[in-house]
Amino acid sequence: MKPIFNRHGRTIGWLNNNAIYDRKNCCRAFIRDFYVFTYNAQYLGIIHKGIIFDRRGQRIAYMDEASYDPMLPIPQITPPPPIPSDTLNIPVHTIPTKTFKTSYYWSPLNWEIFLDG
């Protein structure tokens, strides 16, 4: 499992086999072709080079792969990863077709609100 960090470098979730888990080890979202969706097939945003962006293109979280970006905070010590729970079946749906522009601004949303859609 790979840790997911917020704008302060705190671990807020985990990524495992394209499934996003919250800190309570609940499978909350999934990634398909760089797009992030809820399990109700609601589009949340994208992941690009280890940074997760909300629907408006603002940063909501990042992962270790984004260490190339000097504007990101240094991650705090990561707690041990949880044992992965069963992932839900990924629904079949269409991929958003709009062009996506990313920004260096952080989203005003917190992680839980983002995952709720």
C-alpha atoms as a PDB file:
ATOM      1  CA  MET A   1       0.000   0.000   0.000  1.00  0.00           C
ATOM      2  CA  LYS A   2       1.239   3.461  -0.899  1.00  0.00           C
ATOM      3  CA  PRO A   3       0.502   6.350   1.472  1.00  0.00           C
ATOM      4  CA  ILE A   4      -1.491   9.393   0.345  1.00  0.00           C
ATOM      5  CA  PHE A   5      -0.643  12.745   1.971  1.00  0.00           C
ATOM      6  CA  ASN A   6      -2.554  15.993   2.426  1.00  0.00           C
ATOM      7  CA  ARG A   7      -1.271  19.556   1.969  1.00  0.00           C
ATOM      8  CA  HIS A   8       0.453  19.352   5.366  1.00  0.00           C
ATOM      9  CA  GLY A   9       2.279  16.072   4.637  1.00  0.00           C
ATOM     10  CA  ARG A  10       0.013  14.013   6.923  1.00  0.00           C
ATOM     11  CA  THR A  11      -1.041  10.515   5.824  1.00  0.00           C
ATOM     12  CA  ILE A  12      -4.746  10.657   4.953  1.00  0.00           C
ATOM     13  CA  GLY A  13      -5.217   7.448   3.003  1.00  0.00           C
ATOM     14  CA  TRP A  14      -3.661   4.628   1.040  1.00  0.00           C
ATOM     15  CA  LEU A  15      -3.548   3.432  -2.562  1.00  0.00           C
ATOM     16  CA  ASN A  16      -3.486  -0.279  -3.313  1.00  0.00           C
ATOM     17  CA  ASN A  17      -4.141  -1.838  -6.741  1.00  0.00           C
ATOM     18  CA  ASN A  18      -5.893   1.342  -7.983  1.00  0.00           C
ATOM     19  CA  ALA A  19      -8.213   1.387  -4.958  1.00  0.00           C
ATOM     20  CA  ILE A  20      -8.124   4.362  -2.571  1.00  0.00           C
ATOM     21  CA  TYR A  21      -8.621   3.569   1.115  1.00  0.00           C
ATOM     22  CA  ASP A  22      -9.308   6.063   3.877  1.00  0.00           C
ATOM     23  CA  ARG A  23      -7.535   5.935   7.250  1.00  0.00           C
ATOM     24  CA  LYS A  24     -10.211   3.577   8.571  1.00  0.00           C
ATOM     25  CA  ASN A  25      -9.251   1.057   5.846  1.00  0.00           C
ATOM     26  CA  CYS A  26     -12.521   1.563   3.952  1.00  0.00           C
ATOM     27  CA  CYS A  27     -12.261   1.339   0.183  1.00  0.00           C
ATOM     28  CA  ARG A  28     -13.662   4.729  -0.920  1.00  0.00           C
ATOM     29  CA  ALA A  29     -12.637   5.352  -4.528  1.00  0.00           C
ATOM     30  CA  PHE A  30     -10.765   3.849  -7.442  1.00  0.00           C
ATOM     31  CA  ILE A  31      -8.538   4.962 -10.276  1.00  0.00           C
ATOM     32  CA  ARG A  32      -9.138   4.064 -13.893  1.00  0.00           C
ATOM     33  CA  ASP A  33      -6.960   5.540 -16.635  1.00  0.00           C
ATOM     34  CA  PHE A  34      -5.769   8.329 -14.287  1.00  0.00           C
ATOM     35  CA  TYR A  35      -9.363   9.325 -13.440  1.00  0.00           C
ATOM     36  CA  VAL A  36     -10.585   9.046  -9.832  1.00  0.00           C
ATOM     37  CA  PHE A  37     -14.147   7.815  -9.217  1.00  0.00           C
ATOM     38  CA  THR A  38     -16.321   6.834  -6.278  1.00  0.00           C
ATOM     39  CA  TYR A  39     -17.752   3.327  -6.335  1.00  0.00           C
ATOM     40  CA  ASN A  40     -21.037   4.945  -7.414  1.00  0.00           C
ATOM     41  CA  ALA A  41     -19.152   5.943 -10.593  1.00  0.00           C
ATOM     42  CA  GLN A  42     -19.094   9.628  -9.616  1.00  0.00           C
ATOM     43  CA  TYR A  43     -16.137  11.445 -11.133  1.00  0.00           C
ATOM     44  CA  LEU A  44     -13.891  13.041  -8.470  1.00  0.00           C
ATOM     45  CA  GLY A  45     -10.788  14.205 -10.350  1.00  0.00           C
ATOM     46  CA  ILE A  46      -7.520  12.827 -11.695  1.00  0.00           C
ATOM     47  CA  ILE A  47      -4.177  11.562 -10.514  1.00  0.00           C
ATOM     48  CA  HIS A  48      -1.146  12.813 -12.429  1.00  0.00           C
ATOM     49  CA  LYS A  49       2.497  12.142 -11.545  1.00  0.00           C
ATOM     50  CA  GLY A  50       1.548  11.242  -7.975  1.00  0.00           C
ATOM     51  CA  ILE A  51      -0.668  14.289  -7.339  1.00  0.00           C
ATOM     52  CA  ILE A  52      -4.428  13.917  -6.937  1.00  0.00           C
ATOM     53  CA  PHE A  53      -6.448  16.835  -8.314  1.00  0.00           C
ATOM     54  CA  ASP A  54     -10.119  17.602  -7.638  1.00  0.00           C
ATOM     55  CA  ARG A  55     -12.696  18.310 -10.370  1.00  0.00           C
ATOM     56  CA  ARG A  56     -11.562  21.930 -10.589  1.00  0.00           C
ATOM     57  CA  GLY A  57      -7.939  20.925 -11.164  1.00  0.00           C
ATOM     58  CA  GLN A  58      -6.773  21.926  -7.687  1.00  0.00           C
ATOM     59  CA  ARG A  59      -4.492  19.706  -5.627  1.00  0.00           C
ATOM     60  CA  ILE A  60      -6.201  17.641  -2.967  1.00  0.00           C
ATOM     61  CA  ALA A  61      -3.459  15.110  -2.074  1.00  0.00           C
ATOM     62  CA  TYR A  62      -0.153  13.663  -3.211  1.00  0.00           C
ATOM     63  CA  MET A  63       1.942  10.528  -3.023  1.00  0.00           C
ATOM     64  CA  ASP A  64       5.667   9.748  -2.821  1.00  0.00           C
ATOM     65  CA  GLU A  65       5.936   9.726  -6.641  1.00  0.00           C
ATOM     66  CA  ALA A  66       5.328  13.486  -6.584  1.00  0.00           C
ATOM     67  CA  SER A  67       8.619  14.143  -4.783  1.00  0.00           C
ATOM     68  CA  TYR A  68       9.873  15.903  -7.939  1.00  0.00           C
ATOM     69  CA  ASP A  69       7.677  18.902  -6.998  1.00  0.00           C
ATOM     70  CA  PRO A  70       9.526  21.280  -4.634  1.00  0.00           C
ATOM     71  CA  MET A  71       6.247  23.020  -3.691  1.00  0.00           C
ATOM     72  CA  LEU A  72       4.963  19.946  -1.839  1.00  0.00           C
ATOM     73  CA  PRO A  73       5.546  19.598   1.894  1.00  0.00           C
ATOM     74  CA  ILE A  74       7.871  16.929   3.215  1.00  0.00           C
ATOM     75  CA  PRO A  75       5.702  13.979   4.292  1.00  0.00           C
ATOM     76  CA  GLN A  76       5.482  13.265   7.992  1.00  0.00           C
ATOM     77  CA  ILE A  77       6.395   9.826   9.299  1.00  0.00           C
ATOM     78  CA  THR A  78       3.978   7.375   7.725  1.00  0.00           C
ATOM     79  CA  PRO A  79       2.111   5.020  10.043  1.00  0.00           C
ATOM     80  CA  PRO A  80       2.201   1.318   9.176  1.00  0.00           C
ATOM     81  CA  PRO A  81      -0.220   0.539   6.343  1.00  0.00           C
ATOM     82  CA  PRO A  82      -3.442  -1.253   7.194  1.00  0.00           C
ATOM     83  CA  ILE A  83      -4.169  -4.746   5.963  1.00  0.00           C
ATOM     84  CA  PRO A  84      -6.086  -4.213   2.703  1.00  0.00           C
ATOM     85  CA  SER A  85      -9.774  -4.951   2.922  1.00  0.00           C
ATOM     86  CA  ASP A  86     -11.620  -6.442  -0.005  1.00  0.00           C
ATOM     87  CA  THR A  87     -11.995  -4.004  -2.859  1.00  0.00           C
ATOM     88  CA  LEU A  88     -15.404  -3.497  -4.350  1.00  0.00           C
ATOM     89  CA  ASN A  89     -16.186  -4.343  -7.939  1.00  0.00           C
ATOM     90  CA  ILE A  90     -15.290  -1.443 -10.177  1.00  0.00           C
ATOM     91  CA  PRO A  91     -18.372  -0.256 -12.064  1.00  0.00           C
ATOM     92  CA  VAL A  92     -18.374   0.089 -15.832  1.00  0.00           C
ATOM     93  CA  HIS A  93     -18.844   3.697 -16.909  1.00  0.00           C
ATOM     94  CA  THR A  94     -17.713   6.296 -19.370  1.00  0.00           C
ATOM     95  CA  ILE A  95     -14.536   8.276 -18.876  1.00  0.00           C
ATOM     96  CA  PRO A  96     -14.931  12.073 -18.722  1.00  0.00           C
ATOM     97  CA  THR A  97     -14.070  13.631 -22.064  1.00  0.00           C
ATOM     98  CA  LYS A  98     -13.321  17.208 -21.035  1.00  0.00           C
ATOM     99  CA  THR A  99      -9.779  18.551 -21.120  1.00  0.00           C
ATOM    100  CA  PHE A 100      -8.318  18.804 -17.668  1.00  0.00           C
ATOM    101  CA  LYS A 101      -6.066  21.654 -16.537  1.00  0.00           C
ATOM    102  CA  THR A 102      -4.164  21.238 -13.311  1.00  0.00           C
ATOM    103  CA  SER A 103      -3.105  23.996 -10.959  1.00  0.00           C
ATOM    104  CA  TYR A 104      -0.540  24.609  -8.240  1.00  0.00           C
ATOM    105  CA  TYR A 105      -3.312  25.767  -5.890  1.00  0.00           C
ATOM    106  CA  TRP A 106      -4.607  23.508  -3.156  1.00  0.00           C
ATOM    107  CA  SER A 107      -8.291  22.618  -3.110  1.00  0.00           C
ATOM    108  CA  PRO A 108     -10.390  24.088  -0.291  1.00  0.00           C
ATOM    109  CA  LEU A 109     -11.990  20.640   0.110  1.00  0.00           C
ATOM    110  CA  ASN A 110     -10.798  18.282   2.797  1.00  0.00           C
ATOM    111  CA  TRP A 111     -10.050  14.659   1.899  1.00  0.00           C
ATOM    112  CA  GLU A 112     -13.276  13.191   3.327  1.00  0.00           C
ATOM    113  CA  ILE A 113     -15.479  15.669   1.480  1.00  0.00           C
ATOM    114  CA  PHE A 114     -13.525  14.971  -1.710  1.00  0.00           C
ATOM    115  CA  LEU A 115     -14.074  11.212  -1.349  1.00  0.00           C
ATOM    116  CA  ASP A 116     -17.783  11.736  -0.668  1.00  0.00           C
ATOM    117  CA  GLY A 117     -18.076  13.347  -4.088  1.00  0.00           C
END
